[in-house]
Each structure stands twice: as C-alpha cells, then as structure tokens.
Amino acid sequence: MRIYRVTVGREGGATRVLKVPSRTDVQAGDAAAALMRKDESVLSIEETDDPYQEVDAPPGGTQAHP
C-alpha cells in the first residue's frame, strides 16, 4: 500500500492536504472524497514517501470491494 498526498479545495481558493493510503492514485482520490467538504474538489494527487505512514483516512474501496 502506498501513501498519497491529495490536495483538495477550490481552484484559486483555499486548499488543504489529506494523506491517504491506497493502491492507486484513483483510489486515493476516492479515499479523500470521504473527508472532503461539499464545495471542494480534488486538485492534485501525488505519491509520497512517508516513513511513518501517518494518514487521515482509511483506504478507498474498489469496484470489486466497495
């Protein structure tokens, strides 16, 4: 499992960074969606090398295992 840094917010407005575990970047966006506010969208997704693996959300589901 990899750790991704997902930047969420409004384009040109306030942003915040969520760290989530995931197998893929697409699933990282899904995991971050659970923590996003209604007016936020995903602005970027980057894989990170976090030796402590501290995260803000559990892994997102998959099509086979929602």
Protein backbone atom coordinates (compact mmCIF):
# COMPACT_ATOMS: atom_id res chain seq x y z
CA MET A 1 0.00 0.00 0.00
CA ARG A 2 1.30 3.44 -0.94
CA ILE A 3 0.71 6.78 0.76
CA TYR A 4 -0.70 9.62 -1.36
CA ARG A 5 -0.92 13.34 -0.67
CA VAL A 6 -4.25 14.58 -2.05
CA THR A 7 -4.72 18.34 -2.32
CA VAL A 8 -8.38 19.35 -2.12
CA GLY A 9 -10.15 22.70 -2.19
CA ARG A 10 -11.43 25.28 -4.61
CA GLU A 11 -9.40 26.31 -7.66
CA GLY A 12 -7.90 29.70 -6.83
CA GLY A 13 -9.21 29.48 -3.25
CA ALA A 14 -8.33 27.77 0.00
CA THR A 15 -6.74 24.32 -0.23
CA ARG A 16 -5.78 21.60 2.23
CA VAL A 17 -3.76 18.40 2.02
CA LEU A 18 -5.04 14.95 3.01
CA LYS A 19 -2.77 11.92 3.31
CA VAL A 20 -4.41 8.62 2.43
CA PRO A 21 -3.25 5.02 1.90
CA SER A 22 -4.13 3.48 -1.45
CA ARG A 23 -3.03 1.00 -4.09
CA THR A 24 -3.57 3.51 -6.94
CA ASP A 25 -3.90 7.26 -7.35
CA VAL A 26 -7.52 6.89 -8.47
CA GLN A 27 -8.38 5.03 -5.27
CA ALA A 28 -6.53 7.74 -3.32
CA GLY A 29 -9.00 10.27 -4.70
CA ASP A 30 -11.85 8.02 -3.62
CA ALA A 31 -10.41 7.72 -0.09
CA ALA A 32 -10.01 11.50 0.15
CA ALA A 33 -13.61 12.03 -1.00
CA ALA A 34 -14.84 10.75 2.36
CA LEU A 35 -13.10 13.72 4.06
CA MET A 36 -13.93 16.42 1.51
CA ARG A 37 -16.43 19.18 2.09
CA LYS A 38 -19.29 19.63 -0.32
CA ASP A 39 -17.70 22.64 -2.08
CA GLU A 40 -14.25 21.02 -2.51
CA SER A 41 -12.77 19.07 -5.38
CA VAL A 42 -9.55 17.11 -5.85
CA LEU A 43 -6.86 19.45 -7.20
CA SER A 44 -3.88 17.08 -7.26
CA ILE A 45 -2.75 13.61 -6.21
CA GLU A 46 0.91 12.81 -5.53
CA GLU A 47 2.54 9.67 -4.21
CA THR A 48 4.70 10.41 -1.18
CA ASP A 49 7.41 8.58 0.69
CA ASP A 50 6.17 8.77 4.29
CA PRO A 51 8.34 6.64 6.60
CA TYR A 52 5.79 6.99 9.44
CA GLN A 53 2.79 6.27 7.19
CA GLU A 54 0.57 8.71 9.05
CA VAL A 55 -2.73 9.07 7.21
CA ASP A 56 -6.01 10.97 7.51
CA ALA A 57 -8.39 8.32 6.13
CA PRO A 58 -8.68 4.59 5.58
CA PRO A 59 -8.05 3.16 2.08
CA GLY A 60 -10.75 3.70 -0.51
CA GLY A 61 -12.77 0.79 -1.81
CA THR A 62 -12.56 -0.85 -5.20
CA GLN A 63 -15.21 -1.79 -7.72
CA ALA A 64 -15.00 -5.39 -6.50
CA HIS A 65 -14.89 -4.43 -2.80
CA PRO A 66 -16.69 -1.09 -2.20
